[in-house]
Amino acid sequence: MIAALLGFFFLRSIVAFETVDLWTGRNGTVDPGDQCSCEAFLPGTTFPMGELVQLEQTAVQISQKLELEIIKVDMYESKLTIYMERVANLTVVIEMMEDDPDSYSELYIQEVKIQIKQVEALILELQASIQTSSAVLITIRKEITVIIVELTKLETKYDKNLVLVTRREYIKLQQKLEECERRHNEIFNPNIGSCNHGGISRLSKPIISQLNANLASGHIYGGWGKDSHPLPGSETMYWYSASTDAVVRYMSVYSDYYRLIMRQAMKTYDLYASSDWRGMGNNYIIRANTLYYQFANPFSMAKFNMTTQKAEYRVVPSASNRFSYHYAPNQILDFAADESGLWVTYATEASKGKLVLGKIDEAAFALKQVWQTSIFKPSVGNTFMVCGVLYATRSVDIHTEEIFYTYDTHTRKERYVSIPFEKFQERYMYLDYNPTDQKLYMYNNGYYVSYHVWFNQNQSNKPQVLI
């Protein structure tokens, strides 16, 4: 249309000239004032503004649908946390009733049954809502695809400048839809084991399971979690260990989460039974049914094979035993596992207390590569690994912790970031990532706490941005 208008103005501009050689064969007249005038015929095809307006109205409707679905996704995350807490609390109540059924009246038992029915109904309602949201997102994607096809037709046939504004709005809608779908999938269909992302973007609110299996708030030194590389048949296994001091004496394993909550250990390993295999500092993990921990004496890294119930240790070259984390003493050698293997962090006298990261050769049980960072270990709350990237935390205030630093072992680049997350209580003694479910496990003043981890997604197929 703009091309036609330009042509029209061009025709108008030549009216003032008597002789224009290119127009010798034109149909026109000369008036008494010696002015030439002629007729110009514009194309009969006009831009369908009505169709474009209708598409814009549809864009508004789709945007409103998407906003509603985004709100729902946030609501699902909150509800999941609340329901998990209610289920955990009911589990404890039922266990107490089973241990001493005569102490509870029929009225109280009926009340508990009602609570169970209520939770069951809420969970069924949530499942139905999730299925509905999935269907709505699929429908919205189809609607956007159809409209983009229509816009492409308009753009091809007519003047692009009248289409671009609306097309950009649909690109924004498409991006918003992809973000909504991504968050939906992160909650309900996480891509376990994949490192095709841009690192951690945020953490969920803390999910508090319950007080530790000893039912003792004084057991502040400890940890809990899952096997980071479970043997076949042990995929649902959980572990727990805690004490009133930093000495590691026992390790209990549970067949699944229900048994953990019910405090029904499948087996408890005594590290002081036949030999003195005790550890120091609650900075351990379990990987392939093997406990990796800091040996008490001599100061070294150790592993206890829970299948053979044998232990061995290796001295870490240059590791100093006088640099611990901010929250607790004796956390000298901190073990971590991620999608790429087994790691240990420590500090040396040569590094002046700055954190050193080592990759462990699991077969040889020895360091095969080390990286030097620039952060002072005693200023750090804790560290963990995700996809070959070290993440370090520190305290913001009594309620807030933040991931403030990352070190990428692939590029040897470090970066200061700010990813705040909520703490259940002020001080915690254990924090580690598990690649089998992409969660952080925290032992916080005797309580089992966990966090969902959200990632920045790599956009390999970004919508075309038109300018």
Foldseek 3Di string as FASTA:
>chain_A
DVVLVVVVVVLVVCQAPQDDPVCPPFDWDQDPVRTIDHDDDGDPDDQPVVVVVVLLVVLVVLVVVLVVLLVVLVVLLVVVLVLLQLVLVLLQVVLVCVVPVVVDDPVVVVVSVVSVVVSVVVVVVSVVVLVVSVVVLVVSVVVLVVSLVVLVVSCVPDPVVVSQVSNQSSLVSVVSSVVSVQSSCLVVPNPFLDPQFDFFDAWDAKRFNWFFLVPDLLQQFWFKDAAQAEDPQQRAKIKIFTDNFFKTFKIFMPSHPSCRSSSNTPDMQGCPDPHNQIAGAHQWHHYHQKIWGAGDPPGFIKIARNVVRDMDTDHAPQFDQAAAEQQDHRNAWHWAAESVGIKIWHDGVVLVQFIKIFGADVVVRYTDDIATDNDRRHQWQDWEDYPQKIWTKHDPDQFKIWGFKIAHPVVRDIDGDTHMHTDPGRHWRYWYARSRSQKIWTRGSRITIIIHTDGHHDCPPRDDNDD
